[in-house]
Amino acid sequence: MTHQPEDAVTAPPPEAVAAPARFDTLPLDAKLLRAIVDAGYETMTPIQAKAIPIVLENRDVMGAAQTGTGKTAAFSLPLLQKMMRHENASASPARHPVRALVLAPTRELADQVAVNVKTYARHSQLRVACVFGGVDMNPQTAELKRGVEVLIATPGRLLDHIQLKNCNLGQVEYVVLDEADRMLDIGFLPDLQRILSYLPKSRQTLLFSATFSPEIKKLAQSYLQDPILVEVARPNATASTVEQRFYEVADEDKRRTVVQILRQREIRQAIVFVNSKLGAARLARSFERDGLRTAALHGDKSQDERLKSLAAFKAGEVDLLVATDVAARGIDIADLPAVFNFDVPFNAEDYVHRIGRTGRAGASGIAITLATRDDARLVGDIEKLIKRKIDLEPFVIEDDRPRRRHRDDDEERAPRRTPRSEFAEDGSRPAFVPSAPPVRAPRQAPKDPFFDQPYEADPNASPVWEKQAAAPVAPGSRSSISRFIKPKRKVAALLGGKVPT
């Protein structure tokens, strides 16, 4: 037996220094592994390494992970693996029933999840469809009629298709509630309950979210069976790779602050979050006047306009994307350098999702929040949620606006021209002596002798209030005043007249 010296350093446990697990170590089908390699994935993120084996064991899961850590692959890869036994090349819709249902709160998130799932299933015969509101239902109906195994949907549009009998959820085996807290925030709980009532009782349910509130845990107790809680970080935590800065700025200086930070830090692209749709549209127009290529993304825009704005931003054709919280989830842009909270979010949990748009997949990023003195309560709510002390830093704005020139300043700066009478006999100019600024005489009003004289009454004029003789009425004509109407007495006592008796 070999004895180590007393001062030898003991190696840490293998788990502390173990390299990230690789995807090729998972019991996945070769077609899925090939798609993973094509997507450029090699090692798993912590949430994927913990959740995928549990899902493969047919257990219900509650997954809590920071946004941008790969939750989509954590639930889609094991579900695709379990559905590979149903893979077939038949053209019959009956051979392709809906077996996996993924519910997302927003159109952007549903579309992003569908893109990822289609990437993983590209080499298999499994069919993937995505349905959401704001677009024509006919193409979605045709795709559902052909049969799909994986259906990604928003609750409202899915209920529309169910009522029209475009899809049958009687053979669903797997259900995923992605960003369930957001679905509760925007009032989707009744829709969720209706959808879940159409599903078989024996199913595997997965619930993934970046935040877990008491309402979410209550929902999990109602619809999940003995779930396993998978947490890779403290709940409601923010990514450690994101630098968070809070500046105290007045409302009228916020736009100039964003422009100055973009210039100083040489940030090429960023998302600017606001709290209202109207504010997003107005701010986007203001940034356009500042020379920045800007697009607005909010709920009043059609789905086609929102998808075009996202595509232009991802392609680098847009510098700033001014968005409301509708876009805080579902936007997955690689290497987004910065996020601005132009308005402090009313809901503290939205702050976690907003800044989660940067610093994704281990990359670094910066999240800047512009707060006023009236936002103290909202900033305090964020402090309680992320359990971190927030210090509001003052921000010095460079006054690069051009100073307005006044006419008086121009007259003072302009050199006085030397009259010819002051020239010497030899034609040389006299020495320049700065003169005092000219003194302007006060401007006088024009005089008019007629309007300036005092008022004088005409002594020959008779007062209009004195009783005058009535004009004779021609016979046969009707008088304008009836003889039964007593005329009014006109009294002018205040003007020196006599009161008639």
Protein backbone atom coordinates (compact mmCIF):
# COMPACT_ATOMS: atom_id res chain seq x y z
CA MET A 1 0.00 0.00 0.00
CA THR A 2 1.41 3.36 -1.07
CA HIS A 3 1.10 6.23 1.35
CA GLN A 4 0.77 9.80 0.06
CA PRO A 5 2.64 12.60 1.83
CA GLU A 6 0.61 14.67 4.25
CA ASP A 7 1.04 17.88 2.22
CA ALA A 8 -0.27 16.31 -1.03
CA VAL A 9 -3.27 18.03 -2.58
CA THR A 10 -6.27 15.75 -2.92
CA ALA A 11 -7.86 15.80 -6.34
CA PRO A 12 -11.34 17.24 -6.46
CA PRO A 13 -14.27 14.96 -7.12
CA PRO A 14 -14.62 13.86 -10.71
CA GLU A 15 -17.92 15.73 -11.09
CA ALA A 16 -16.23 19.06 -10.38
CA VAL A 17 -13.67 18.76 -13.19
CA ALA A 18 -15.54 16.51 -15.58
CA ALA A 19 -15.80 17.82 -19.10
CA PRO A 20 -19.27 18.64 -20.45
CA ALA A 21 -21.12 15.55 -21.59
CA ARG A 22 -21.20 14.92 -25.31
CA PHE A 23 -24.33 14.20 -27.33
CA ASP A 24 -22.83 11.05 -28.82
CA THR A 25 -22.88 9.49 -25.34
CA LEU A 26 -26.69 9.57 -25.28
CA PRO A 27 -28.79 6.62 -26.48
CA LEU A 28 -30.12 8.56 -29.47
CA ASP A 29 -30.93 7.35 -32.98
CA ALA A 30 -28.24 7.79 -35.61
CA LYS A 31 -30.51 10.14 -37.59
CA LEU A 32 -30.86 12.44 -34.61
CA LEU A 33 -27.14 12.38 -33.89
CA ARG A 34 -26.45 13.24 -37.51
CA ALA A 35 -28.78 16.26 -37.29
CA ILE A 36 -27.06 17.36 -34.06
CA VAL A 37 -23.67 17.24 -35.76
CA ASP A 38 -25.04 19.20 -38.73
CA ALA A 39 -26.29 21.86 -36.32
CA GLY A 40 -22.79 22.20 -34.85
CA TYR A 41 -23.60 20.83 -31.40
CA GLU A 42 -20.96 18.74 -29.61
CA THR A 43 -21.44 19.06 -25.86
CA MET A 44 -24.61 19.38 -23.82
CA THR A 45 -25.57 22.30 -21.64
CA PRO A 46 -26.30 21.57 -17.95
CA ILE A 47 -30.07 21.55 -18.42
CA GLN A 48 -29.74 19.15 -21.37
CA ALA A 49 -27.38 16.82 -19.52
CA LYS A 50 -29.79 16.58 -16.57
CA ALA A 51 -33.18 16.59 -18.31
CA ILE A 52 -32.65 14.35 -21.36
CA PRO A 53 -31.93 11.11 -19.41
CA ILE A 54 -34.94 11.74 -17.13
CA VAL A 55 -37.26 12.34 -20.08
CA LEU A 56 -36.02 9.17 -21.73
CA GLU A 57 -37.10 7.31 -18.57
CA ASN A 58 -40.74 8.41 -19.12
CA ARG A 59 -40.79 10.70 -16.07
CA ASP A 60 -42.61 14.04 -15.83
CA VAL A 61 -40.19 16.94 -15.53
CA MET A 62 -40.23 20.50 -14.22
CA GLY A 63 -37.20 22.17 -15.76
CA ALA A 64 -35.90 25.48 -14.43
CA ALA A 65 -33.07 27.05 -16.38
CA GLN A 66 -31.99 30.49 -17.44
CA THR A 67 -33.22 31.55 -20.82
CA GLY A 68 -30.79 30.79 -23.63
CA THR A 69 -29.38 27.61 -22.08
CA GLY A 70 -30.91 25.13 -24.51
CA LYS A 71 -34.28 24.19 -23.02
CA THR A 72 -35.71 23.44 -26.47
CA ALA A 73 -33.20 20.70 -27.19
CA ALA A 74 -33.62 19.40 -23.63
CA PHE A 75 -37.22 18.36 -24.30
CA SER A 76 -37.35 17.95 -28.10
CA LEU A 77 -34.46 15.50 -28.55
CA PRO A 78 -35.72 12.84 -26.09
CA LEU A 79 -39.29 13.15 -27.41
CA LEU A 80 -38.11 12.70 -30.99
CA GLN A 81 -36.09 9.68 -29.89
CA LYS A 82 -39.17 8.09 -28.28
CA MET A 83 -41.26 8.75 -31.40
CA MET A 84 -38.75 7.16 -33.77
CA ARG A 85 -40.56 3.84 -33.29
CA HIS A 86 -43.59 5.40 -35.01
CA GLU A 87 -41.53 6.69 -37.96
CA ASN A 88 -42.95 5.73 -41.34
CA ALA A 89 -42.96 6.98 -44.93
CA SER A 90 -46.66 6.42 -45.51
CA ALA A 91 -48.65 9.18 -47.23
CA SER A 92 -51.79 8.36 -45.26
CA PRO A 93 -52.66 10.99 -42.63
CA ALA A 94 -53.90 8.21 -40.35
CA ARG A 95 -50.33 6.94 -40.05
CA HIS A 96 -49.17 10.37 -38.81
CA PRO A 97 -51.33 11.34 -35.80
CA VAL A 98 -50.29 14.06 -33.37
CA ARG A 99 -48.15 12.34 -30.73
CA ALA A 100 -46.28 15.30 -29.21
CA LEU A 101 -47.85 18.68 -28.42
CA VAL A 102 -45.72 21.73 -27.53
CA LEU A 103 -47.57 24.81 -26.25
CA ALA A 104 -45.88 28.21 -26.32
CA PRO A 105 -47.22 31.60 -25.18
CA THR A 106 -46.20 33.77 -28.15
CA ARG A 107 -45.98 33.42 -31.91
CA GLU A 108 -42.27 34.22 -31.91
CA LEU A 109 -41.47 31.50 -29.39
CA ALA A 110 -43.64 28.94 -31.20
CA ASP A 111 -41.91 29.71 -34.48
CA GLN A 112 -38.46 29.50 -32.87
CA VAL A 113 -39.23 26.13 -31.24
CA ALA A 114 -40.56 24.81 -34.56
CA VAL A 115 -37.36 25.83 -36.36
CA ASN A 116 -35.25 23.95 -33.79
CA VAL A 117 -37.43 20.82 -33.80
CA LYS A 118 -37.41 20.69 -37.61
CA THR A 119 -33.62 20.95 -37.50
CA TYR A 120 -33.36 17.94 -35.20
CA ALA A 121 -35.88 15.85 -37.20
CA ARG A 122 -34.61 16.78 -40.66
CA HIS A 123 -33.15 13.31 -41.40
CA SER A 124 -36.18 11.37 -40.11
CA GLN A 125 -39.68 10.77 -41.46
CA LEU A 126 -41.32 12.56 -38.52
CA ARG A 127 -43.49 15.49 -39.51
CA VAL A 128 -43.43 18.80 -37.62
CA ALA A 129 -46.00 21.61 -37.88
CA CYS A 130 -46.43 24.99 -36.21
CA VAL A 131 -49.72 26.86 -35.87
CA PHE A 132 -50.25 30.32 -34.39
CA GLY A 133 -52.60 33.26 -34.78
CA GLY A 134 -52.28 36.34 -36.91
CA VAL A 135 -51.94 34.48 -40.22
CA ASP A 136 -54.25 32.66 -42.62
CA MET A 137 -55.60 29.37 -41.27
CA ASN A 138 -55.95 27.62 -44.65
CA PRO A 139 -52.26 26.63 -45.07
CA GLN A 140 -52.20 25.43 -41.46
CA THR A 141 -55.36 23.42 -41.99
CA ALA A 142 -53.94 21.75 -45.09
CA GLU A 143 -50.76 20.82 -43.22
CA LEU A 144 -52.71 19.38 -40.30
CA LYS A 145 -54.95 17.37 -42.63
CA ARG A 146 -51.85 15.71 -44.11
CA GLY A 147 -50.86 14.49 -40.65
CA VAL A 148 -48.10 15.59 -38.24
CA GLU A 149 -46.38 13.86 -35.33
CA VAL A 150 -45.08 16.98 -33.55
CA LEU A 151 -47.39 20.00 -33.24
CA ILE A 152 -46.12 23.31 -31.87
CA ALA A 153 -48.93 25.80 -31.22
CA THR A 154 -50.15 28.79 -29.30
CA PRO A 155 -53.23 28.04 -27.17
CA GLY A 156 -55.68 30.35 -28.94
CA ARG A 157 -55.05 29.16 -32.49
CA LEU A 158 -54.94 25.51 -31.38
CA LEU A 159 -58.43 25.82 -29.91
CA ASP A 160 -59.63 27.28 -33.22
CA HIS A 161 -58.35 24.21 -35.07
CA ILE A 162 -59.84 21.86 -32.48
CA GLN A 163 -63.27 23.48 -32.84
CA LEU A 164 -63.04 23.18 -36.64
CA LYS A 165 -61.99 19.52 -36.22
CA ASN A 166 -58.76 20.09 -38.13
CA CYS A 167 -56.74 18.02 -35.67
CA ASN A 168 -57.35 15.19 -33.25
CA LEU A 169 -55.44 15.10 -29.96
CA GLY A 170 -56.70 11.68 -28.88
CA GLN A 171 -53.33 9.95 -29.48
CA VAL A 172 -51.05 12.53 -27.86
CA GLU A 173 -48.41 10.84 -25.72
CA TYR A 174 -46.17 13.80 -24.80
CA VAL A 175 -47.09 17.37 -23.79
CA VAL A 176 -44.65 20.23 -23.29
CA LEU A 177 -45.60 23.52 -21.62
CA ASP A 178 -42.85 25.93 -22.62
CA GLU A 179 -42.62 29.24 -20.73
CA ALA A 180 -45.69 28.31 -18.72
CA ASP A 181 -45.37 31.34 -16.43
CA ARG A 182 -45.79 33.65 -19.38
CA MET A 183 -48.91 31.78 -20.47
CA LEU A 184 -50.41 32.38 -17.05
CA ASP A 185 -49.40 36.04 -17.09
CA ILE A 186 -51.28 36.76 -20.31
CA GLY A 187 -54.38 34.84 -19.22
CA PHE A 188 -54.01 31.50 -21.01
CA LEU A 189 -54.91 29.37 -17.99
CA PRO A 190 -58.55 28.71 -19.11
CA ASP A 191 -57.31 27.84 -22.60
CA LEU A 192 -54.68 25.51 -21.14
CA GLN A 193 -57.29 23.73 -19.07
CA ARG A 194 -59.53 23.27 -22.12
CA ILE A 195 -56.68 21.92 -24.25
CA LEU A 196 -55.47 19.52 -21.56
CA SER A 197 -59.02 18.19 -21.22
CA TYR A 198 -58.87 16.93 -24.82
CA LEU A 199 -55.71 14.90 -24.14
CA PRO A 200 -55.49 11.32 -22.87
CA LYS A 201 -54.99 10.89 -19.15
CA SER A 202 -51.96 8.65 -19.60
CA ARG A 203 -49.32 10.93 -21.02
CA GLN A 204 -45.91 12.35 -20.21
CA THR A 205 -45.97 16.05 -19.33
CA LEU A 206 -42.94 18.36 -19.31
CA LEU A 207 -42.94 21.90 -17.98
CA PHE A 208 -39.99 24.16 -18.79
CA SER A 209 -39.53 27.77 -17.80
CA ALA A 210 -36.89 30.26 -16.78
CA THR A 211 -38.88 31.30 -13.71
CA PHE A 212 -41.02 29.39 -11.25
CA SER A 213 -43.77 31.19 -9.36
CA PRO A 214 -46.19 29.67 -6.82
CA GLU A 215 -48.87 29.64 -9.53
CA ILE A 216 -46.64 27.51 -11.76
CA LYS A 217 -46.01 25.02 -8.98
CA LYS A 218 -49.76 24.80 -8.38
CA LEU A 219 -50.29 24.12 -12.09
CA ALA A 220 -47.67 21.40 -12.00
CA GLN A 221 -49.38 19.70 -9.07
CA SER A 222 -52.62 19.59 -11.06
CA TYR A 223 -51.35 18.19 -14.36
CA LEU A 224 -47.98 16.53 -13.68
CA GLN A 225 -47.64 13.12 -12.07
CA ASP A 226 -44.83 12.90 -9.52
CA PRO A 227 -42.60 15.33 -11.45
CA ILE A 228 -38.85 15.58 -11.02
CA LEU A 229 -37.56 19.11 -10.52
CA VAL A 230 -34.50 19.81 -12.67
CA GLU A 231 -32.65 22.98 -11.75
CA VAL A 232 -29.26 24.00 -13.07
CA ALA A 233 -29.32 27.42 -11.37
CA ARG A 234 -31.17 29.23 -8.67
CA PRO A 235 -34.76 29.95 -9.79
CA ASN A 236 -35.30 33.41 -11.30
CA ALA A 237 -31.55 33.85 -11.69
CA THR A 238 -29.88 35.75 -14.49
CA ALA A 239 -27.02 34.47 -16.61
CA SER A 240 -23.59 35.12 -15.14
CA THR A 241 -22.20 36.02 -18.56
CA VAL A 242 -24.45 39.11 -18.81
CA GLU A 243 -23.12 42.40 -17.45
CA GLN A 244 -26.02 44.27 -15.83
CA ARG A 245 -25.89 48.06 -15.51
CA PHE A 246 -28.54 50.40 -14.11
CA TYR A 247 -28.41 54.12 -14.92
CA GLU A 248 -30.55 56.88 -13.47
CA VAL A 249 -31.66 58.98 -16.42
CA ALA A 250 -34.52 61.42 -16.94
CA ASP A 251 -37.21 60.47 -19.42
CA GLU A 252 -36.25 63.15 -21.91
CA ASP A 253 -32.59 62.00 -21.91
CA LYS A 254 -33.13 58.26 -22.40
CA ARG A 255 -32.92 58.28 -26.19
CA ARG A 256 -29.69 60.29 -26.21
CA THR A 257 -28.29 57.94 -23.56
CA VAL A 258 -28.91 54.90 -25.77
CA VAL A 259 -27.30 56.57 -28.78
CA GLN A 260 -24.27 57.62 -26.72
CA ILE A 261 -23.76 54.14 -25.24
CA LEU A 262 -24.01 52.56 -28.69
CA ARG A 263 -21.34 54.93 -29.96
CA GLN A 264 -19.01 54.66 -26.95
CA ARG A 265 -19.13 50.87 -26.71
CA GLU A 266 -19.22 50.38 -30.50
CA ILE A 267 -22.34 48.21 -30.29
CA ARG A 268 -23.61 47.30 -33.73
CA GLN A 269 -26.90 45.64 -32.82
CA ALA A 270 -29.20 45.75 -29.81
CA ILE A 271 -32.78 45.20 -28.70
CA VAL A 272 -34.53 48.10 -26.96
CA PHE A 273 -37.47 47.01 -24.78
CA VAL A 274 -40.35 49.34 -23.93
CA ASN A 275 -43.59 48.83 -22.01
CA SER A 276 -46.17 50.02 -24.55
CA LYS A 277 -46.97 49.47 -28.22
CA LEU A 278 -47.36 53.20 -28.88
CA GLY A 279 -44.05 53.91 -27.19
CA ALA A 280 -42.32 51.32 -29.37
CA ALA A 281 -43.61 52.89 -32.59
CA ARG A 282 -42.69 56.43 -31.54
CA LEU A 283 -39.24 55.46 -30.28
CA ALA A 284 -38.47 53.58 -33.50
CA ARG A 285 -39.26 56.69 -35.54
CA SER A 286 -37.04 58.80 -33.26
CA PHE A 287 -34.09 56.44 -33.69
CA GLU A 288 -34.64 56.56 -37.45
CA ARG A 289 -34.24 60.35 -37.31
CA ASP A 290 -30.98 59.78 -35.41
CA GLY A 291 -29.63 57.84 -38.40
CA LEU A 292 -30.07 54.32 -36.99
CA ARG A 293 -31.71 51.56 -38.97
CA THR A 294 -34.61 50.65 -36.72
CA ALA A 295 -37.58 48.27 -36.75
CA ALA A 296 -40.49 48.05 -34.31
CA LEU A 297 -41.91 44.79 -33.00
CA HIS A 298 -45.15 44.83 -31.03
CA GLY A 299 -48.58 43.25 -30.85
CA ASP A 300 -50.31 45.72 -33.20
CA LYS A 301 -48.19 44.55 -36.12
CA SER A 302 -49.34 41.65 -38.25
CA GLN A 303 -47.54 38.35 -38.04
CA ASP A 304 -45.97 38.84 -41.47
CA GLU A 305 -44.60 42.24 -40.44
CA ARG A 306 -43.20 40.81 -37.21
CA LEU A 307 -41.51 37.92 -39.01
CA LYS A 308 -40.03 40.29 -41.59
CA SER A 309 -38.67 42.57 -38.85
CA LEU A 310 -37.08 39.60 -37.07
CA ALA A 311 -35.59 38.29 -40.31
CA ALA A 312 -34.11 41.70 -41.13
CA PHE A 313 -32.65 42.00 -37.64
CA LYS A 314 -31.10 38.54 -37.78
CA ALA A 315 -29.66 39.30 -41.23
CA GLY A 316 -27.96 42.44 -39.90
CA GLU A 317 -30.09 44.81 -41.99
CA VAL A 318 -31.44 46.52 -38.83
CA ASP A 319 -29.35 48.10 -36.07
CA LEU A 320 -32.00 48.45 -33.37
CA LEU A 321 -35.09 46.38 -32.71
CA VAL A 322 -37.56 48.30 -30.53
CA ALA A 323 -39.85 45.70 -28.99
CA THR A 324 -42.41 45.14 -26.29
CA ASP A 325 -42.43 42.15 -23.97
CA VAL A 326 -44.21 40.12 -26.64
CA ALA A 327 -40.75 39.63 -28.14
CA ALA A 328 -38.91 38.99 -24.88
CA ARG A 329 -39.36 35.27 -25.38
CA GLY A 330 -38.71 33.35 -28.53
CA ILE A 331 -36.05 35.60 -30.04
CA ASP A 332 -32.92 33.54 -30.44
CA ILE A 333 -30.19 35.63 -32.06
CA ALA A 334 -26.65 34.37 -31.90
CA ASP A 335 -24.08 36.72 -30.35
CA LEU A 336 -26.46 39.60 -29.65
CA PRO A 337 -24.16 42.03 -27.83
CA ALA A 338 -26.60 44.24 -25.88
CA VAL A 339 -30.12 44.69 -24.57
CA PHE A 340 -31.57 48.01 -23.39
CA ASN A 341 -34.47 48.30 -20.98
CA PHE A 342 -35.71 51.71 -22.12
CA ASP A 343 -38.59 51.26 -19.65
CA VAL A 344 -38.27 49.27 -16.44
CA PRO A 345 -40.65 46.30 -16.83
CA PHE A 346 -43.80 46.31 -14.72
CA ASN A 347 -43.32 42.59 -14.00
CA ALA A 348 -39.97 41.74 -12.46
CA GLU A 349 -39.92 38.32 -14.12
CA ASP A 350 -39.99 40.01 -17.52
CA TYR A 351 -36.61 41.52 -16.65
CA VAL A 352 -35.08 38.03 -16.52
CA HIS A 353 -36.49 37.18 -19.93
CA ARG A 354 -35.53 40.51 -21.49
CA ILE A 355 -31.86 40.31 -20.59
CA GLY A 356 -31.90 36.63 -21.53
CA ARG A 357 -31.85 37.71 -25.20
CA THR A 358 -28.14 38.44 -24.80
CA GLY A 359 -25.40 36.26 -23.37
CA ARG A 360 -26.95 33.11 -24.83
CA ALA A 361 -25.18 29.74 -24.97
CA GLY A 362 -22.27 30.97 -22.85
CA ALA A 363 -21.57 34.11 -24.86
CA SER A 364 -21.04 37.45 -23.12
CA GLY A 365 -23.41 40.39 -23.30
CA ILE A 366 -24.51 43.57 -21.58
CA ALA A 367 -27.95 44.54 -20.29
CA ILE A 368 -28.51 48.24 -19.60
CA THR A 369 -31.58 49.49 -17.73
CA LEU A 370 -32.55 53.17 -17.79
CA ALA A 371 -34.53 54.09 -14.69
CA THR A 372 -36.01 57.31 -13.38
CA ARG A 373 -36.75 58.29 -9.80
CA ASP A 374 -40.34 57.14 -10.27
CA ASP A 375 -39.12 53.59 -11.01
CA ALA A 376 -37.80 52.95 -7.50
CA ARG A 377 -40.55 50.43 -6.68
CA LEU A 378 -40.06 48.48 -9.91
CA VAL A 379 -36.29 48.37 -9.39
CA GLY A 380 -36.91 47.11 -5.87
CA ASP A 381 -39.05 44.29 -7.22
CA ILE A 382 -36.20 43.25 -9.53
CA GLU A 383 -33.81 43.28 -6.56
CA LYS A 384 -36.07 40.91 -4.63
CA LEU A 385 -36.43 38.57 -7.60
CA ILE A 386 -32.77 38.24 -8.61
CA LYS A 387 -31.58 38.59 -4.97
CA ARG A 388 -28.95 41.12 -5.87
CA LYS A 389 -28.33 44.69 -4.71
CA ILE A 390 -28.87 47.17 -7.54
CA ASP A 391 -26.99 50.47 -7.55
CA LEU A 392 -28.31 53.22 -9.79
CA GLU A 393 -25.35 54.90 -11.44
CA PRO A 394 -25.48 58.48 -12.73
CA PHE A 395 -24.90 58.88 -16.46
CA VAL A 396 -23.20 61.93 -17.90
CA ILE A 397 -24.63 62.88 -21.28
CA GLU A 398 -22.33 64.60 -23.73
CA ASP A 399 -23.84 67.88 -24.88
CA ASP A 400 -23.07 67.52 -28.56
CA ARG A 401 -26.11 69.40 -29.74
CA PRO A 402 -25.26 72.56 -31.77
CA ARG A 403 -25.77 75.81 -29.87
CA ARG A 404 -28.33 78.13 -31.39
CA ARG A 405 -26.85 81.40 -32.61
CA HIS A 406 -28.69 84.61 -31.84
CA ARG A 407 -28.77 87.67 -34.07
CA ASP A 408 -27.28 89.82 -31.33
CA ASP A 409 -24.29 87.47 -31.10
CA ASP A 410 -23.73 87.73 -34.84
CA GLU A 411 -23.75 91.51 -34.71
CA GLU A 412 -21.25 91.52 -31.85
CA ARG A 413 -18.89 89.08 -33.60
CA ALA A 414 -19.08 90.78 -37.01
CA PRO A 415 -16.22 93.29 -37.51
CA ARG A 416 -17.25 96.90 -38.03
CA ARG A 417 -16.56 98.12 -41.54
CA THR A 418 -14.44 101.26 -41.68
CA PRO A 419 -16.13 104.14 -43.53
CA ARG A 420 -14.11 105.83 -46.27
CA SER A 421 -14.21 109.12 -44.38
CA GLU A 422 -11.95 107.59 -41.72
CA PHE A 423 -9.23 106.55 -44.18
CA ALA A 424 -5.95 108.48 -44.05
CA GLU A 425 -4.77 110.69 -46.94
CA ASP A 426 -2.39 108.00 -48.17
CA GLY A 427 -5.26 105.50 -48.33
CA SER A 428 -4.14 103.39 -45.36
CA ARG A 429 -6.67 102.09 -42.86
CA PRO A 430 -6.57 103.39 -39.30
CA ALA A 431 -5.66 101.05 -36.46
CA PHE A 432 -8.55 98.79 -35.49
CA VAL A 433 -10.14 99.84 -32.23
CA PRO A 434 -12.88 97.56 -30.97
CA SER A 435 -16.03 99.55 -30.52
CA ALA A 436 -18.73 99.02 -28.01
CA PRO A 437 -21.78 97.06 -29.16
CA PRO A 438 -24.37 99.35 -30.69
CA VAL A 439 -27.10 100.56 -28.39
CA ARG A 440 -30.50 100.13 -29.88
CA ALA A 441 -33.07 102.87 -29.36
CA PRO A 442 -36.40 101.69 -28.08
CA ARG A 443 -38.88 101.17 -30.84
CA GLN A 444 -41.62 103.86 -30.93
CA ALA A 445 -45.14 103.26 -32.01
CA PRO A 446 -46.33 105.19 -35.10
CA LYS A 447 -48.30 108.39 -34.41
CA ASP A 448 -51.77 109.07 -35.78
CA PRO A 449 -53.33 112.45 -34.95
CA PHE A 450 -56.88 111.21 -35.51
CA PHE A 451 -56.62 108.21 -33.15
CA ASP A 452 -54.46 110.05 -30.58
CA GLN A 453 -56.98 112.85 -29.87
CA PRO A 454 -59.41 112.34 -26.95
CA TYR A 455 -63.03 111.45 -27.49
CA GLU A 456 -65.48 114.33 -27.82
CA ALA A 457 -69.24 113.77 -27.89
CA ASP A 458 -71.32 115.45 -30.61
CA PRO A 459 -73.64 117.95 -28.87
CA ASN A 460 -76.19 117.82 -31.71
CA ALA A 461 -76.59 114.05 -31.61
CA SER A 462 -79.77 112.81 -29.98
CA PRO A 463 -79.58 109.80 -27.67
CA VAL A 464 -80.79 106.61 -29.25
CA TRP A 465 -82.68 105.65 -26.14
CA GLU A 466 -85.11 108.58 -26.41
CA LYS A 467 -88.56 107.69 -27.61
CA GLN A 468 -89.05 108.47 -31.30
CA ALA A 469 -92.30 108.83 -33.17
CA ALA A 470 -93.44 105.65 -34.77
CA ALA A 471 -93.53 105.58 -38.53
CA PRO A 472 -97.04 105.59 -39.96
CA VAL A 473 -98.35 102.23 -40.98
CA ALA A 474 -99.83 102.02 -44.42
CA PRO A 475 -103.46 100.93 -44.53
CA GLY A 476 -103.95 97.27 -45.32
CA SER A 477 -100.38 96.34 -44.27
CA ARG A 478 -99.48 94.27 -41.25
CA SER A 479 -97.39 95.88 -38.57
CA SER A 480 -94.28 94.05 -37.49
CA ILE A 481 -95.31 94.44 -33.81
CA SER A 482 -98.72 93.43 -32.55
CA ARG A 483 -100.81 96.03 -30.77
CA PHE A 484 -101.26 93.61 -27.88
CA ILE A 485 -97.53 93.61 -27.07
CA LYS A 486 -96.50 96.32 -24.65
CA PRO A 487 -93.16 97.89 -25.66
CA LYS A 488 -90.23 97.76 -23.23
CA ARG A 489 -89.30 100.82 -21.30
CA LYS A 490 -85.76 101.91 -22.10
CA VAL A 491 -84.09 103.35 -19.03
CA ALA A 492 -80.79 105.22 -19.30
CA ALA A 493 -80.48 106.59 -15.80
CA LEU A 494 -76.81 105.68 -15.57
CA LEU A 495 -76.04 107.88 -18.56
CA GLY A 496 -77.91 110.94 -17.24
CA GLY A 497 -81.31 110.22 -18.74
CA LYS A 498 -84.61 110.59 -16.94
CA VAL A 499 -86.64 107.63 -15.87
CA PRO A 500 -90.06 107.84 -17.52
CA THR A 501 -93.04 107.81 -15.17
